Amino acid sequence: MANWKKLLSGTVLAVGLLSSQMSTAAHAADKVRIALLVKSLGNGFFDAAHKGADEAAKELGNVEVIYTGPTSTTASGQIDIINSLIAQKVNAIAVSANDGDALVPSLKKAMQRGITVISWDSAVAKPGREMHLAPSSDALIGNMCDKLAADALPGGKGDVAILSATATSTNQNTWIAEMKKALPKYPGVNVVTTVYGDDLADKSYRETEGILKTYPNVKVIVAPTSVGIVAAAQAVEDAGKVGQVFVTGLGLPSELAGHVDKGSVKSFAIWNPIDLGYAATTIAYELATKKAEAKPGAEIPIGRMGKTKLDENDQAAMADPFVYDKSNVHEFAKIF
């Protein structure tokens, strides 16, 4: 009888342990795994977006954020990562695209496997995603870049050069197109060239040197990229052109405060990348868990930021760009 009781006790214990392990495994399986796929690692803008994604995951409670990206801004690097994420059976992919068309086949494959796919910051073509979250209205961003250039030009008149990211970068190309549309509002702004630094600091620096040499009358360089604007400011300072050439565009306060102090940058703009990462992660979660559906007119909750509404192209905009200068840059540099 004693042996029988021991056997029964051992069986109960084993079943209990197995049940506990199964419960733990089930809890782990319940985690919603969201991949935040960025253009490249080591970029301050995307590092800040990662912070926002982690904030969203903490609020949601059952979310695991996988922060990933290639080492350089290439579509092929992102495609390799997408294929890996498909194999890992993640629940959602939120991607800022290096090439909005090139990623479509691999992202369509992901969606066919039941993975939620959204783009944010830099759009994927519509067949390759459920929706796109723009950081702001493209028209507002383009107009803002023109206004910043006009404000930096002496008397609002002079030659301007544009330093972009890659030639295939969806968001930069769209913003530059919107800049050109808005130029009639700023008749003194004369755009003489557009060059591409591929969102690499060293190449952006060299391209700026080329602008200064080839276009000696350029008074303002507009860089709608957080990597390019820092590299351009440094190149202007190293060339001894502070006060003669000003750099503006889109950048991070923490990376530009010193350049504002030195005078190579008067003002620049950006939305909050922390909020952007937060919103992208929250939207991916809402769609992956079927709490929301991406369709024209749909309003999708984005946590502490309220809601965002999709247009007829399944796109939503987060917020207007905000201008930073010597009056506020150091305050915001402490945040991002």
C-alpha atoms as a PDB file:
ATOM      1  CA  MET A   1       0.000   0.000   0.000  1.00  0.00           C
ATOM      2  CA  ALA A   2       2.865   2.340   0.912  1.00  0.00           C
ATOM      3  CA  ASN A   3       4.513   1.675  -2.451  1.00  0.00           C
ATOM      4  CA  TRP A   4       1.175   2.307  -4.194  1.00  0.00           C
ATOM      5  CA  LYS A   5       0.807   5.645  -2.396  1.00  0.00           C
ATOM      6  CA  LYS A   6       4.359   6.637  -3.344  1.00  0.00           C
ATOM      7  CA  LEU A   7       3.681   5.716  -6.959  1.00  0.00           C
ATOM      8  CA  LEU A   8       0.428   7.692  -6.959  1.00  0.00           C
ATOM      9  CA  SER A   9       2.137  10.661  -5.312  1.00  0.00           C
ATOM     10  CA  GLY A  10       4.931  10.583  -7.864  1.00  0.00           C
ATOM     11  CA  THR A  11       2.457  10.400 -10.720  1.00  0.00           C
ATOM     12  CA  VAL A  12       0.517  13.393  -9.393  1.00  0.00           C
ATOM     13  CA  LEU A  13       3.757  15.334  -8.997  1.00  0.00           C
ATOM     14  CA  ALA A  14       4.847  14.478 -12.532  1.00  0.00           C
ATOM     15  CA  VAL A  15       1.474  15.470 -13.960  1.00  0.00           C
ATOM     16  CA  GLY A  16       1.623  18.706 -11.980  1.00  0.00           C
ATOM     17  CA  LEU A  17       5.079  19.534 -13.298  1.00  0.00           C
ATOM     18  CA  LEU A  18       4.011  18.696 -16.850  1.00  0.00           C
ATOM     19  CA  SER A  19       0.919  20.855 -16.469  1.00  0.00           C
ATOM     20  CA  SER A  20       3.042  23.718 -15.162  1.00  0.00           C
ATOM     21  CA  GLN A  21       5.483  23.396 -18.055  1.00  0.00           C
ATOM     22  CA  MET A  22       2.621  23.280 -20.558  1.00  0.00           C
ATOM     23  CA  SER A  23       1.103  26.361 -18.958  1.00  0.00           C
ATOM     24  CA  THR A  24       4.424  28.208 -19.189  1.00  0.00           C
ATOM     25  CA  ALA A  25       4.821  27.163 -22.822  1.00  0.00           C
ATOM     26  CA  ALA A  26       1.287  28.267 -23.603  1.00  0.00           C
ATOM     27  CA  HIS A  27       1.929  31.623 -21.934  1.00  0.00           C
ATOM     28  CA  ALA A  28       5.079  32.062 -24.037  1.00  0.00           C
ATOM     29  CA  ALA A  29       3.129  31.066 -27.145  1.00  0.00           C
ATOM     30  CA  ASP A  30       0.554  33.737 -26.339  1.00  0.00           C
ATOM     31  CA  LYS A  31       3.183  36.457 -26.768  1.00  0.00           C
ATOM     32  CA  VAL A  32       2.509  38.586 -29.825  1.00  0.00           C
ATOM     33  CA  ARG A  33       5.892  38.809 -31.576  1.00  0.00           C
ATOM     34  CA  ILE A  34       6.255  42.027 -33.554  1.00  0.00           C
ATOM     35  CA  ALA A  35       9.328  42.656 -35.695  1.00  0.00           C
ATOM     36  CA  LEU A  36      10.305  46.315 -36.010  1.00  0.00           C
ATOM     37  CA  LEU A  37      12.336  46.173 -39.226  1.00  0.00           C
ATOM     38  CA  VAL A  38      14.274  49.399 -39.802  1.00  0.00           C
ATOM     39  CA  LYS A  39      16.293  50.715 -42.736  1.00  0.00           C
ATOM     40  CA  SER A  40      19.596  50.107 -40.970  1.00  0.00           C
ATOM     41  CA  LEU A  41      20.952  49.531 -37.493  1.00  0.00           C
ATOM     42  CA  GLY A  42      23.019  52.194 -35.750  1.00  0.00           C
ATOM     43  CA  ASN A  43      20.728  55.041 -36.857  1.00  0.00           C
ATOM     44  CA  GLY A  44      19.701  57.371 -34.017  1.00  0.00           C
ATOM     45  CA  PHE A  45      16.243  57.956 -35.479  1.00  0.00           C
ATOM     46  CA  PHE A  46      15.433  54.251 -35.483  1.00  0.00           C
ATOM     47  CA  ASP A  47      17.049  53.699 -32.091  1.00  0.00           C
ATOM     48  CA  ALA A  48      14.590  56.274 -30.740  1.00  0.00           C
ATOM     49  CA  ALA A  49      11.721  54.501 -32.531  1.00  0.00           C
ATOM     50  CA  HIS A  50      12.850  51.292 -30.823  1.00  0.00           C
ATOM     51  CA  LYS A  51      12.377  52.985 -27.448  1.00  0.00           C
ATOM     52  CA  GLY A  52       8.813  53.825 -28.416  1.00  0.00           C
ATOM     53  CA  ALA A  53       8.194  50.249 -29.538  1.00  0.00           C
ATOM     54  CA  ASP A  54       9.383  48.972 -26.170  1.00  0.00           C
ATOM     55  CA  GLU A  55       7.074  51.461 -24.431  1.00  0.00           C
ATOM     56  CA  ALA A  56       4.134  50.087 -26.401  1.00  0.00           C
ATOM     57  CA  ALA A  57       5.115  46.501 -25.618  1.00  0.00           C
ATOM     58  CA  LYS A  58       5.253  47.291 -21.911  1.00  0.00           C
ATOM     59  CA  GLU A  59       1.806  48.892 -22.006  1.00  0.00           C
ATOM     60  CA  LEU A  60       0.257  46.066 -24.008  1.00  0.00           C
ATOM     61  CA  GLY A  61       1.780  43.452 -21.727  1.00  0.00           C
ATOM     62  CA  ASN A  62       1.944  40.390 -23.969  1.00  0.00           C
ATOM     63  CA  VAL A  63       4.145  41.737 -26.758  1.00  0.00           C
ATOM     64  CA  GLU A  64       7.725  40.868 -27.681  1.00  0.00           C
ATOM     65  CA  VAL A  65       9.454  43.407 -29.923  1.00  0.00           C
ATOM     66  CA  ILE A  66      12.132  42.083 -32.261  1.00  0.00           C
ATOM     67  CA  TYR A  67      14.220  45.100 -33.292  1.00  0.00           C
ATOM     68  CA  THR A  68      16.129  44.299 -36.458  1.00  0.00           C
ATOM     69  CA  GLY A  69      17.566  45.720 -39.659  1.00  0.00           C
ATOM     70  CA  PRO A  70      20.476  45.373 -42.094  1.00  0.00           C
ATOM     71  CA  THR A  71      23.869  46.938 -41.437  1.00  0.00           C
ATOM     72  CA  SER A  72      23.509  49.104 -44.562  1.00  0.00           C
ATOM     73  CA  THR A  73      20.488  50.661 -46.256  1.00  0.00           C
ATOM     74  CA  THR A  74      19.805  48.003 -48.878  1.00  0.00           C
ATOM     75  CA  ALA A  75      16.630  46.287 -50.019  1.00  0.00           C
ATOM     76  CA  SER A  76      18.454  42.961 -50.298  1.00  0.00           C
ATOM     77  CA  GLY A  77      19.448  43.156 -46.637  1.00  0.00           C
ATOM     78  CA  GLN A  78      15.844  43.759 -45.611  1.00  0.00           C
ATOM     79  CA  ILE A  79      14.583  40.931 -47.846  1.00  0.00           C
ATOM     80  CA  ASP A  80      16.955  38.465 -46.167  1.00  0.00           C
ATOM     81  CA  ILE A  81      15.640  39.548 -42.771  1.00  0.00           C
ATOM     82  CA  ILE A  82      12.004  39.284 -43.898  1.00  0.00           C
ATOM     83  CA  ASN A  83      12.592  35.703 -45.048  1.00  0.00           C
ATOM     84  CA  SER A  84      14.149  34.921 -41.676  1.00  0.00           C
ATOM     85  CA  LEU A  85      11.190  36.471 -39.842  1.00  0.00           C
ATOM     86  CA  ILE A  86       8.800  34.356 -41.917  1.00  0.00           C
ATOM     87  CA  ALA A  87      10.728  31.249 -40.861  1.00  0.00           C
ATOM     88  CA  GLN A  88      10.506  32.402 -37.232  1.00  0.00           C
ATOM     89  CA  LYS A  89       6.712  32.699 -37.622  1.00  0.00           C
ATOM     90  CA  VAL A  90       6.472  36.160 -36.086  1.00  0.00           C
ATOM     91  CA  ASN A  91       2.979  37.592 -35.699  1.00  0.00           C
ATOM     92  CA  ALA A  92       3.655  40.948 -37.351  1.00  0.00           C
ATOM     93  CA  ILE A  93       6.276  42.844 -39.331  1.00  0.00           C
ATOM     94  CA  ALA A  94       6.389  46.650 -39.170  1.00  0.00           C
ATOM     95  CA  VAL A  95       8.910  47.837 -41.755  1.00  0.00           C
ATOM     96  CA  SER A  96      10.483  51.123 -42.818  1.00  0.00           C
ATOM     97  CA  ALA A  97      11.372  50.280 -46.413  1.00  0.00           C
ATOM     98  CA  ASN A  98      14.651  50.882 -48.198  1.00  0.00           C
ATOM     99  CA  ASP A  99      12.839  50.170 -51.477  1.00  0.00           C
ATOM    100  CA  GLY A 100       9.044  50.146 -51.421  1.00  0.00           C
ATOM    101  CA  ASP A 101       8.714  48.002 -54.549  1.00  0.00           C
ATOM    102  CA  ALA A 102      11.553  45.527 -54.062  1.00  0.00           C
ATOM    103  CA  LEU A 103      10.175  44.320 -50.719  1.00  0.00           C
ATOM    104  CA  VAL A 104       6.702  43.505 -52.067  1.00  0.00           C
ATOM    105  CA  PRO A 105       7.258  39.833 -53.105  1.00  0.00           C
ATOM    106  CA  SER A 106       8.757  38.796 -49.765  1.00  0.00           C
ATOM    107  CA  LEU A 107       6.161  40.734 -47.766  1.00  0.00           C
ATOM    108  CA  LYS A 108       3.329  39.220 -49.828  1.00  0.00           C
ATOM    109  CA  LYS A 109       4.758  35.835 -48.902  1.00  0.00           C
ATOM    110  CA  ALA A 110       4.687  36.874 -45.241  1.00  0.00           C
ATOM    111  CA  MET A 111       1.036  37.903 -45.479  1.00  0.00           C
ATOM    112  CA  GLN A 112       0.175  34.626 -47.209  1.00  0.00           C
ATOM    113  CA  ARG A 113       1.642  32.876 -44.151  1.00  0.00           C
ATOM    114  CA  GLY A 114      -0.726  34.800 -41.893  1.00  0.00           C
ATOM    115  CA  ILE A 115       1.760  37.461 -40.759  1.00  0.00           C
ATOM    116  CA  THR A 116       0.427  41.000 -40.334  1.00  0.00           C
ATOM    117  CA  VAL A 117       2.491  43.463 -42.392  1.00  0.00           C
ATOM    118  CA  ILE A 118       2.476  47.240 -42.083  1.00  0.00           C
ATOM    119  CA  SER A 119       4.946  49.847 -43.239  1.00  0.00           C
ATOM    120  CA  TRP A 120       5.830  52.972 -41.302  1.00  0.00           C
ATOM    121  CA  ASP A 121       8.083  55.969 -41.954  1.00  0.00           C
ATOM    122  CA  SER A 122       9.047  54.802 -45.475  1.00  0.00           C
ATOM    123  CA  ALA A 123       6.206  53.131 -47.353  1.00  0.00           C
ATOM    124  CA  VAL A 124       5.963  49.749 -48.998  1.00  0.00           C
ATOM    125  CA  ALA A 125       3.879  49.655 -52.193  1.00  0.00           C
ATOM    126  CA  LYS A 126       0.252  48.816 -51.440  1.00  0.00           C
ATOM    127  CA  PRO A 127       0.323  45.134 -52.570  1.00  0.00           C
ATOM    128  CA  GLY A 128       3.026  44.418 -49.979  1.00  0.00           C
ATOM    129  CA  ARG A 129       1.350  45.695 -46.818  1.00  0.00           C
ATOM    130  CA  GLU A 130      -1.972  46.065 -45.038  1.00  0.00           C
ATOM    131  CA  MET A 131      -1.481  49.764 -44.271  1.00  0.00           C
ATOM    132  CA  HIS A 132       1.149  52.485 -44.035  1.00  0.00           C
ATOM    133  CA  LEU A 133       1.762  54.855 -41.127  1.00  0.00           C
ATOM    134  CA  ALA A 134       3.334  58.104 -42.325  1.00  0.00           C
ATOM    135  CA  PRO A 135       5.142  60.170 -39.681  1.00  0.00           C
ATOM    136  CA  SER A 136       3.315  63.242 -40.988  1.00  0.00           C
ATOM    137  CA  SER A 137       1.502  64.450 -44.075  1.00  0.00           C
ATOM    138  CA  ASP A 138       3.900  64.282 -47.030  1.00  0.00           C
ATOM    139  CA  ALA A 139       2.689  67.673 -48.257  1.00  0.00           C
ATOM    140  CA  LEU A 140       3.335  69.254 -44.856  1.00  0.00           C
ATOM    141  CA  ILE A 141       6.839  67.782 -44.717  1.00  0.00           C
ATOM    142  CA  GLY A 142       7.692  69.025 -48.214  1.00  0.00           C
ATOM    143  CA  ASN A 143       6.379  72.487 -47.460  1.00  0.00           C
ATOM    144  CA  MET A 144       8.239  72.555 -44.136  1.00  0.00           C
ATOM    145  CA  CYS A 145      11.551  71.754 -45.838  1.00  0.00           C
ATOM    146  CA  ASP A 146      10.989  74.621 -48.294  1.00  0.00           C
ATOM    147  CA  LYS A 147      10.094  76.996 -45.469  1.00  0.00           C
ATOM    148  CA  LEU A 148      13.180  76.020 -43.459  1.00  0.00           C
ATOM    149  CA  ALA A 149      15.341  76.677 -46.522  1.00  0.00           C
ATOM    150  CA  ALA A 150      13.709  80.060 -47.165  1.00  0.00           C
ATOM    151  CA  ASP A 151      14.120  81.043 -43.514  1.00  0.00           C
ATOM    152  CA  ALA A 152      17.824  80.167 -43.617  1.00  0.00           C
ATOM    153  CA  LEU A 153      18.524  82.062 -46.864  1.00  0.00           C
ATOM    154  CA  PRO A 154      19.677  85.686 -46.556  1.00  0.00           C
ATOM    155  CA  GLY A 155      16.627  87.701 -47.548  1.00  0.00           C
ATOM    156  CA  GLY A 156      14.835  84.462 -48.405  1.00  0.00           C
ATOM    157  CA  LYS A 157      16.654  84.229 -51.737  1.00  0.00           C
ATOM    158  CA  GLY A 158      19.471  82.029 -53.022  1.00  0.00           C
ATOM    159  CA  ASP A 159      20.689  78.651 -54.266  1.00  0.00           C
ATOM    160  CA  VAL A 160      19.704  75.515 -52.364  1.00  0.00           C
ATOM    161  CA  ALA A 161      20.971  71.933 -52.645  1.00  0.00           C
ATOM    162  CA  ILE A 162      19.199  68.798 -51.445  1.00  0.00           C
ATOM    163  CA  LEU A 163      21.100  65.947 -49.776  1.00  0.00           C
ATOM    164  CA  SER A 164      18.845  62.890 -49.677  1.00  0.00           C
ATOM    165  CA  ALA A 165      19.182  59.285 -48.498  1.00  0.00           C
ATOM    166  CA  THR A 166      19.100  56.579 -51.201  1.00  0.00           C
ATOM    167  CA  ALA A 167      17.773  57.164 -54.699  1.00  0.00           C
ATOM    168  CA  THR A 168      15.111  54.495 -54.042  1.00  0.00           C
ATOM    169  CA  SER A 169      14.051  55.677 -50.581  1.00  0.00           C
ATOM    170  CA  THR A 170      10.269  55.981 -50.720  1.00  0.00           C
ATOM    171  CA  ASN A 171       9.771  58.638 -48.084  1.00  0.00           C
ATOM    172  CA  GLN A 172      12.616  60.960 -49.097  1.00  0.00           C
ATOM    173  CA  ASN A 173      11.598  60.786 -52.765  1.00  0.00           C
ATOM    174  CA  THR A 174       8.010  61.630 -51.852  1.00  0.00           C
ATOM    175  CA  TRP A 175       9.052  64.538 -49.633  1.00  0.00           C
ATOM    176  CA  ILE A 176      11.346  65.953 -52.312  1.00  0.00           C
ATOM    177  CA  ALA A 177       8.509  65.721 -54.837  1.00  0.00           C
ATOM    178  CA  GLU A 178       6.289  67.617 -52.398  1.00  0.00           C
ATOM    179  CA  MET A 179       9.051  70.201 -51.904  1.00  0.00           C
ATOM    180  CA  LYS A 180       9.090  70.845 -55.636  1.00  0.00           C
ATOM    181  CA  LYS A 181       5.296  71.178 -55.711  1.00  0.00           C
ATOM    182  CA  ALA A 182       5.412  73.771 -52.931  1.00  0.00           C
ATOM    183  CA  LEU A 183       8.306  75.812 -54.391  1.00  0.00           C
ATOM    184  CA  PRO A 184       6.023  78.420 -56.058  1.00  0.00           C
ATOM    185  CA  LYS A 185       5.164  79.569 -52.527  1.00  0.00           C
ATOM    186  CA  TYR A 186       8.878  80.319 -51.987  1.00  0.00           C
ATOM    187  CA  PRO A 187      10.042  82.089 -55.181  1.00  0.00           C
ATOM    188  CA  GLY A 188      13.417  82.941 -53.673  1.00  0.00           C
ATOM    189  CA  VAL A 189      14.377  79.274 -53.206  1.00  0.00           C
ATOM    190  CA  ASN A 190      16.376  78.052 -56.214  1.00  0.00           C
ATOM    191  CA  VAL A 191      17.093  74.305 -56.020  1.00  0.00           C
ATOM    192  CA  VAL A 192      20.226  73.596 -58.068  1.00  0.00           C
ATOM    193  CA  THR A 193      20.885  69.896 -57.377  1.00  0.00           C
ATOM    194  CA  THR A 194      19.840  66.777 -55.494  1.00  0.00           C
ATOM    195  CA  VAL A 195      22.500  64.300 -54.363  1.00  0.00           C
ATOM    196  CA  TYR A 196      22.301  61.006 -52.475  1.00  0.00           C
ATOM    197  CA  GLY A 197      24.322  60.019 -49.429  1.00  0.00           C
ATOM    198  CA  ASP A 198      22.604  56.618 -49.030  1.00  0.00           C
ATOM    199  CA  ASP A 199      21.977  57.373 -45.340  1.00  0.00           C
ATOM    200  CA  LEU A 200      25.653  56.687 -44.695  1.00  0.00           C
ATOM    201  CA  ALA A 201      27.528  59.294 -42.683  1.00  0.00           C
ATOM    202  CA  ASP A 202      30.772  59.104 -44.665  1.00  0.00           C
ATOM    203  CA  LYS A 203      29.113  59.200 -48.089  1.00  0.00           C
ATOM    204  CA  SER A 204      26.779  62.018 -47.027  1.00  0.00           C
ATOM    205  CA  TYR A 205      29.828  63.970 -45.826  1.00  0.00           C
ATOM    206  CA  ARG A 206      31.588  63.459 -49.173  1.00  0.00           C
ATOM    207  CA  GLU A 207      28.469  64.439 -51.123  1.00  0.00           C
ATOM    208  CA  THR A 208      28.290  67.657 -49.098  1.00  0.00           C
ATOM    209  CA  GLU A 209      31.926  68.381 -49.907  1.00  0.00           C
ATOM    210  CA  GLY A 210      31.000  67.877 -53.569  1.00  0.00           C
ATOM    211  CA  ILE A 211      28.125  70.347 -53.292  1.00  0.00           C
ATOM    212  CA  LEU A 212      30.355  72.992 -51.721  1.00  0.00           C
ATOM    213  CA  LYS A 213      32.946  72.551 -54.467  1.00  0.00           C
ATOM    214  CA  THR A 214      30.627  72.233 -57.491  1.00  0.00           C
ATOM    215  CA  TYR A 215      28.062  74.833 -56.413  1.00  0.00           C
ATOM    216  CA  PRO A 216      29.991  77.614 -54.647  1.00  0.00           C
ATOM    217  CA  ASN A 217      26.897  79.841 -54.586  1.00  0.00           C
ATOM    218  CA  VAL A 218      24.810  77.392 -52.559  1.00  0.00           C
ATOM    219  CA  LYS A 219      23.678  79.043 -49.336  1.00  0.00           C
ATOM    220  CA  VAL A 220      21.505  76.264 -47.862  1.00  0.00           C
ATOM    221  CA  ILE A 221      21.663  72.472 -47.901  1.00  0.00           C
ATOM    222  CA  VAL A 222      18.388  70.692 -47.118  1.00  0.00           C
ATOM    223  CA  ALA A 223      18.773  67.117 -45.866  1.00  0.00           C
ATOM    224  CA  PRO A 224      15.459  65.317 -45.246  1.00  0.00           C
ATOM    225  CA  THR A 225      17.345  62.526 -43.474  1.00  0.00           C
ATOM    226  CA  SER A 226      18.636  62.349 -39.909  1.00  0.00           C
ATOM    227  CA  VAL A 227      21.951  60.861 -41.039  1.00  0.00           C
ATOM    228  CA  GLY A 228      22.520  63.305 -43.881  1.00  0.00           C
ATOM    229  CA  ILE A 229      21.758  66.460 -41.921  1.00  0.00           C
ATOM    230  CA  VAL A 230      24.406  65.683 -39.281  1.00  0.00           C
ATOM    231  CA  ALA A 231      27.020  64.780 -41.896  1.00  0.00           C
ATOM    232  CA  ALA A 232      26.275  67.938 -43.896  1.00  0.00           C
ATOM    233  CA  ALA A 233      26.538  70.162 -40.823  1.00  0.00           C
ATOM    234  CA  GLN A 234      29.899  68.622 -39.952  1.00  0.00           C
ATOM    235  CA  ALA A 235      31.170  69.072 -43.514  1.00  0.00           C
ATOM    236  CA  VAL A 236      30.140  72.742 -43.534  1.00  0.00           C
ATOM    237  CA  GLU A 237      31.927  73.306 -40.225  1.00  0.00           C
ATOM    238  CA  ASP A 238      35.071  71.489 -41.374  1.00  0.00           C
ATOM    239  CA  ALA A 239      35.117  73.555 -44.579  1.00  0.00           C
ATOM    240  CA  GLY A 240      35.012  76.787 -42.574  1.00  0.00           C
ATOM    241  CA  LYS A 241      31.691  77.740 -44.166  1.00  0.00           C
ATOM    242  CA  VAL A 242      29.697  78.443 -40.990  1.00  0.00           C
ATOM    243  CA  GLY A 243      27.710  81.628 -41.547  1.00  0.00           C
ATOM    244  CA  GLN A 244      28.068  81.261 -45.318  1.00  0.00           C
ATOM    245  CA  VAL A 245      26.226  77.963 -45.795  1.00  0.00           C
ATOM    246  CA  PHE A 246      23.434  76.732 -43.540  1.00  0.00           C
ATOM    247  CA  VAL A 247      22.153  73.187 -43.166  1.00  0.00           C
ATOM    248  CA  THR A 248      18.530  72.329 -42.442  1.00  0.00           C
ATOM    249  CA  GLY A 249      16.027  69.519 -42.961  1.00  0.00           C
ATOM    250  CA  LEU A 250      14.927  66.648 -40.746  1.00  0.00           C
ATOM    251  CA  GLY A 251      17.004  65.519 -37.778  1.00  0.00           C
ATOM    252  CA  LEU A 252      17.178  64.652 -34.101  1.00  0.00           C
ATOM    253  CA  PRO A 253      17.665  67.301 -31.394  1.00  0.00           C
ATOM    254  CA  SER A 254      20.202  65.132 -29.543  1.00  0.00           C
ATOM    255  CA  GLU A 255      22.371  64.891 -32.670  1.00  0.00           C
ATOM    256  CA  LEU A 256      22.006  68.495 -33.831  1.00  0.00           C
ATOM    257  CA  ALA A 257      22.134  70.569 -30.639  1.00  0.00           C
ATOM    258  CA  GLY A 258      25.903  70.991 -30.953  1.00  0.00           C
ATOM    259  CA  HIS A 259      25.629  72.060 -34.589  1.00  0.00           C
ATOM    260  CA  VAL A 260      22.965  74.621 -33.676  1.00  0.00           C
ATOM    261  CA  ASP A 261      25.387  75.985 -31.073  1.00  0.00           C
ATOM    262  CA  LYS A 262      28.179  76.185 -33.659  1.00  0.00           C
ATOM    263  CA  GLY A 263      25.951  77.980 -36.168  1.00  0.00           C
ATOM    264  CA  SER A 264      25.936  75.545 -39.092  1.00  0.00           C
ATOM    265  CA  VAL A 265      22.262  74.806 -38.371  1.00  0.00           C
ATOM    266  CA  LYS A 266      19.736  77.573 -37.648  1.00  0.00           C
ATOM    267  CA  SER A 267      16.633  75.415 -37.425  1.00  0.00           C
ATOM    268  CA  PHE A 268      15.358  71.988 -38.449  1.00  0.00           C
ATOM    269  CA  ALA A 269      12.261  69.867 -38.037  1.00  0.00           C
ATOM    270  CA  ILE A 270      11.220  66.355 -37.065  1.00  0.00           C
ATOM    271  CA  TRP A 271       8.328  64.495 -35.534  1.00  0.00           C
ATOM    272  CA  ASN A 272       8.895  62.448 -32.407  1.00  0.00           C
ATOM    273  CA  PRO A 273      10.470  59.115 -33.479  1.00  0.00           C
ATOM    274  CA  ILE A 274       9.652  57.625 -30.081  1.00  0.00           C
ATOM    275  CA  ASP A 275       5.966  58.264 -30.775  1.00  0.00           C
ATOM    276  CA  LEU A 276       6.351  56.841 -34.281  1.00  0.00           C
ATOM    277  CA  GLY A 277       7.818  53.551 -33.027  1.00  0.00           C
ATOM    278  CA  TYR A 278       5.158  53.435 -30.320  1.00  0.00           C
ATOM    279  CA  ALA A 279       2.339  53.983 -32.817  1.00  0.00           C
ATOM    280  CA  ALA A 280       3.682  51.472 -35.368  1.00  0.00           C
ATOM    281  CA  THR A 281       3.986  48.755 -32.728  1.00  0.00           C
ATOM    282  CA  THR A 282       0.540  49.436 -31.289  1.00  0.00           C
ATOM    283  CA  ILE A 283      -1.070  49.351 -34.740  1.00  0.00           C
ATOM    284  CA  ALA A 284       0.730  46.107 -35.623  1.00  0.00           C
ATOM    285  CA  TYR A 285      -0.603  44.599 -32.392  1.00  0.00           C
ATOM    286  CA  GLU A 286      -4.179  45.763 -33.033  1.00  0.00           C
ATOM    287  CA  LEU A 287      -4.139  44.239 -36.519  1.00  0.00           C
ATOM    288  CA  ALA A 288      -2.324  41.018 -35.578  1.00  0.00           C
ATOM    289  CA  THR A 289      -4.788  40.303 -32.769  1.00  0.00           C
ATOM    290  CA  LYS A 290      -7.769  41.114 -35.030  1.00  0.00           C
ATOM    291  CA  LYS A 291      -8.895  43.923 -32.736  1.00  0.00           C
ATOM    292  CA  ALA A 292      -8.797  46.245 -35.743  1.00  0.00           C
ATOM    293  CA  GLU A 293      -8.899  45.905 -39.517  1.00  0.00           C
ATOM    294  CA  ALA A 294      -6.938  47.915 -42.072  1.00  0.00           C
ATOM    295  CA  LYS A 295      -9.488  49.317 -44.509  1.00  0.00           C
ATOM    296  CA  PRO A 296     -10.380  52.790 -45.822  1.00  0.00           C
ATOM    297  CA  GLY A 297     -12.046  54.891 -43.154  1.00  0.00           C
ATOM    298  CA  ALA A 298     -11.055  52.586 -40.296  1.00  0.00           C
ATOM    299  CA  GLU A 299     -10.004  54.208 -37.024  1.00  0.00           C
ATOM    300  CA  ILE A 300      -7.247  52.268 -35.284  1.00  0.00           C
ATOM    301  CA  PRO A 301      -6.383  52.863 -31.608  1.00  0.00           C
ATOM    302  CA  ILE A 302      -2.797  53.919 -30.893  1.00  0.00           C
ATOM    303  CA  GLY A 303      -2.706  53.866 -27.105  1.00  0.00           C
ATOM    304  CA  ARG A 304      -1.775  57.115 -25.394  1.00  0.00           C
ATOM    305  CA  MET A 305      -1.841  58.884 -28.763  1.00  0.00           C
ATOM    306  CA  GLY A 306      -5.540  58.300 -29.380  1.00  0.00           C
ATOM    307  CA  LYS A 307      -6.597  57.009 -32.793  1.00  0.00           C
ATOM    308  CA  THR A 308      -5.492  57.280 -36.396  1.00  0.00           C
ATOM    309  CA  LYS A 309      -7.763  57.103 -39.444  1.00  0.00           C
ATOM    310  CA  LEU A 310      -6.936  55.358 -42.713  1.00  0.00           C
ATOM    311  CA  ASP A 311      -7.492  57.109 -46.036  1.00  0.00           C
ATOM    312  CA  GLU A 312      -8.630  55.531 -49.309  1.00  0.00           C
ATOM    313  CA  ASN A 313      -5.115  54.113 -49.851  1.00  0.00           C
ATOM    314  CA  ASP A 314      -4.966  52.513 -46.395  1.00  0.00           C
ATOM    315  CA  GLN A 315      -2.539  55.169 -45.189  1.00  0.00           C
ATOM    316  CA  ALA A 316      -2.559  57.182 -41.970  1.00  0.00           C
ATOM    317  CA  ALA A 317      -0.507  60.169 -40.808  1.00  0.00           C
ATOM    318  CA  MET A 318       0.767  60.566 -37.269  1.00  0.00           C
ATOM    319  CA  ALA A 319       1.513  64.250 -36.627  1.00  0.00           C
ATOM    320  CA  ASP A 320       2.782  67.529 -38.081  1.00  0.00           C
ATOM    321  CA  PRO A 321       6.559  68.135 -38.071  1.00  0.00           C
ATOM    322  CA  PHE A 322       7.845  70.363 -35.271  1.00  0.00           C
ATOM    323  CA  VAL A 323      10.563  73.022 -35.626  1.00  0.00           C
ATOM    324  CA  TYR A 324      13.628  73.076 -33.382  1.00  0.00           C
ATOM    325  CA  ASP A 325      16.127  75.937 -33.011  1.00  0.00           C
ATOM    326  CA  LYS A 326      18.384  77.456 -30.354  1.00  0.00           C
ATOM    327  CA  SER A 327      15.345  78.328 -28.224  1.00  0.00           C
ATOM    328  CA  ASN A 328      14.282  74.713 -27.632  1.00  0.00           C
ATOM    329  CA  VAL A 329      16.786  72.234 -29.055  1.00  0.00           C
ATOM    330  CA  HIS A 330      18.602  71.539 -25.780  1.00  0.00           C
ATOM    331  CA  GLU A 331      15.349  70.858 -23.964  1.00  0.00           C
ATOM    332  CA  PHE A 332      14.363  68.196 -26.498  1.00  0.00           C
ATOM    333  CA  ALA A 333      17.911  66.855 -26.864  1.00  0.00           C
ATOM    334  CA  LYS A 334      17.453  65.318 -23.415  1.00  0.00           C
ATOM    335  CA  ILE A 335      14.541  63.248 -24.770  1.00  0.00           C
ATOM    336  CA  PHE A 336      15.604  62.100 -28.254  1.00  0.00           C
END
